[in-house]
């Protein structure tokens, strides 16, 4: 097996860590450049859809809660008599 030359030795730990950290931030910048932001029109449309789904879900939960509360009241009235 051939021995490594003096100039082929591994850099010290601090040089390797610095190289890894700088590579990490280079990758972050590269990925940030790939982001495609939605248009204002798409943002408002999606916001409207989210609000509509929240309203419908709230109404369904309110209806179930009210119905189950009334059913529980009937059961308790029957049990009390």
C-alpha atoms as a PDB file:
ATOM      1  CA  UNK A   1       0.000   0.000   0.000  1.00  0.00           C
ATOM      2  CA  UNK A   2       1.409   3.381  -0.944  1.00  0.00           C
ATOM      3  CA  UNK A   3       1.948   6.009   1.719  1.00  0.00           C
ATOM      4  CA  UNK A   4       0.269   9.383   1.410  1.00  0.00           C
ATOM      5  CA  UNK A   5       2.416  12.311   0.505  1.00  0.00           C
ATOM      6  CA  UNK A   6       2.745  15.134   3.030  1.00  0.00           C
ATOM      7  CA  UNK A   7       0.581  17.522   0.932  1.00  0.00           C
ATOM      8  CA  UNK A   8      -2.235  14.930   0.583  1.00  0.00           C
ATOM      9  CA  UNK A   9      -2.995  14.711   4.294  1.00  0.00           C
ATOM     10  CA  UNK A  10      -6.492  15.456   5.590  1.00  0.00           C
ATOM     11  CA  UNK A  11      -7.147  19.024   6.681  1.00  0.00           C
ATOM     12  CA  UNK A  12      -7.601  19.560  10.389  1.00  0.00           C
ATOM     13  CA  UNK A  13     -10.996  19.286  12.073  1.00  0.00           C
ATOM     14  CA  UNK A  14     -11.667  23.033  12.002  1.00  0.00           C
ATOM     15  CA  UNK A  15     -11.057  23.245   8.259  1.00  0.00           C
ATOM     16  CA  UNK A  16     -13.408  20.325   7.614  1.00  0.00           C
ATOM     17  CA  UNK A  17     -16.133  21.810   9.835  1.00  0.00           C
ATOM     18  CA  UNK A  18     -15.770  25.213   8.161  1.00  0.00           C
ATOM     19  CA  UNK A  19     -16.008  23.591   4.732  1.00  0.00           C
ATOM     20  CA  UNK A  20     -19.136  21.659   5.762  1.00  0.00           C
ATOM     21  CA  UNK A  21     -20.803  24.748   7.225  1.00  0.00           C
ATOM     22  CA  UNK A  22     -20.064  26.885   4.178  1.00  0.00           C
ATOM     23  CA  UNK A  23     -21.394  24.109   1.925  1.00  0.00           C
ATOM     24  CA  UNK A  24     -24.541  23.935   4.008  1.00  0.00           C
ATOM     25  CA  UNK A  25     -25.231  27.663   3.618  1.00  0.00           C
ATOM     26  CA  UNK A  26     -24.426  27.498  -0.103  1.00  0.00           C
ATOM     27  CA  UNK A  27     -27.048  24.753  -0.443  1.00  0.00           C
ATOM     28  CA  UNK A  28     -29.590  26.834   1.493  1.00  0.00           C
ATOM     29  CA  UNK A  29     -29.090  29.820  -0.813  1.00  0.00           C
ATOM     30  CA  UNK A  30     -29.380  27.557  -3.861  1.00  0.00           C
ATOM     31  CA  UNK A  31     -32.682  26.126  -2.577  1.00  0.00           C
ATOM     32  CA  UNK A  32     -34.099  29.556  -1.654  1.00  0.00           C
ATOM     33  CA  UNK A  33     -33.568  30.684  -5.245  1.00  0.00           C
ATOM     34  CA  UNK A  34     -35.837  27.830  -6.408  1.00  0.00           C
ATOM     35  CA  UNK A  35     -38.862  29.073  -4.409  1.00  0.00           C
ATOM     36  CA  UNK A  36     -41.804  30.187  -6.534  1.00  0.00           C
ATOM     37  CA  UNK A  37     -44.135  32.504  -4.635  1.00  0.00           C
ATOM     38  CA  UNK A  38     -47.867  32.467  -5.493  1.00  0.00           C
ATOM     39  CA  UNK A  39     -49.455  35.482  -7.097  1.00  0.00           C
ATOM     40  CA  UNK A  40     -51.637  37.773  -4.967  1.00  0.00           C
ATOM     41  CA  UNK A  41     -54.717  36.515  -6.827  1.00  0.00           C
ATOM     42  CA  UNK A  42     -53.890  32.888  -5.957  1.00  0.00           C
ATOM     43  CA  UNK A  43     -53.176  33.856  -2.347  1.00  0.00           C
ATOM     44  CA  UNK A  44     -56.548  35.583  -1.929  1.00  0.00           C
ATOM     45  CA  UNK A  45     -58.362  32.668  -3.601  1.00  0.00           C
ATOM     46  CA  UNK A  46     -56.663  30.131  -1.328  1.00  0.00           C
ATOM     47  CA  UNK A  47     -57.405  32.279   1.727  1.00  0.00           C
ATOM     48  CA  UNK A  48     -61.082  32.357   0.759  1.00  0.00           C
ATOM     49  CA  UNK A  49     -61.150  28.589   0.362  1.00  0.00           C
ATOM     50  CA  UNK A  50     -59.547  28.102   3.786  1.00  0.00           C
ATOM     51  CA  UNK A  51     -62.036  30.467   5.452  1.00  0.00           C
ATOM     52  CA  UNK A  52     -64.962  28.712   3.751  1.00  0.00           C
ATOM     53  CA  UNK A  53     -63.768  25.270   4.875  1.00  0.00           C
ATOM     54  CA  UNK A  54     -63.291  26.590   8.427  1.00  0.00           C
ATOM     55  CA  UNK A  55     -66.832  28.000   8.437  1.00  0.00           C
ATOM     56  CA  UNK A  56     -68.379  24.767   7.137  1.00  0.00           C
ATOM     57  CA  UNK A  57     -66.391  22.668   9.614  1.00  0.00           C
ATOM     58  CA  UNK A  58     -67.427  24.957  12.476  1.00  0.00           C
ATOM     59  CA  UNK A  59     -71.080  24.683  11.474  1.00  0.00           C
ATOM     60  CA  UNK A  60     -70.883  20.876  11.294  1.00  0.00           C
ATOM     61  CA  UNK A  61     -69.260  20.688  14.733  1.00  0.00           C
ATOM     62  CA  UNK A  62     -71.825  23.140  16.131  1.00  0.00           C
ATOM     63  CA  UNK A  63     -74.663  21.032  14.692  1.00  0.00           C
ATOM     64  CA  UNK A  64     -73.258  17.806  16.100  1.00  0.00           C
ATOM     65  CA  UNK A  65     -72.667  19.390  19.497  1.00  0.00           C
ATOM     66  CA  UNK A  66     -76.180  20.832  19.647  1.00  0.00           C
ATOM     67  CA  UNK A  67     -77.774  17.567  18.528  1.00  0.00           C
ATOM     68  CA  UNK A  68     -75.815  15.433  20.963  1.00  0.00           C
ATOM     69  CA  UNK A  69     -76.548  17.880  23.783  1.00  0.00           C
ATOM     70  CA  UNK A  70     -80.281  17.659  23.051  1.00  0.00           C
ATOM     71  CA  UNK A  71     -80.083  13.863  22.840  1.00  0.00           C
ATOM     72  CA  UNK A  72     -78.230  13.723  26.152  1.00  0.00           C
ATOM     73  CA  UNK A  73     -80.922  15.954  27.692  1.00  0.00           C
ATOM     74  CA  UNK A  74     -83.668  13.593  26.498  1.00  0.00           C
ATOM     75  CA  UNK A  75     -81.819  10.563  27.888  1.00  0.00           C
ATOM     76  CA  UNK A  76     -81.342  12.263  31.248  1.00  0.00           C
ATOM     77  CA  UNK A  77     -85.032  13.279  31.393  1.00  0.00           C
ATOM     78  CA  UNK A  78     -86.092   9.713  30.699  1.00  0.00           C
ATOM     79  CA  UNK A  79     -83.668   8.363  33.318  1.00  0.00           C
ATOM     80  CA  UNK A  80     -84.961  10.826  35.927  1.00  0.00           C
ATOM     81  CA  UNK A  81     -88.607   9.802  35.579  1.00  0.00           C
END
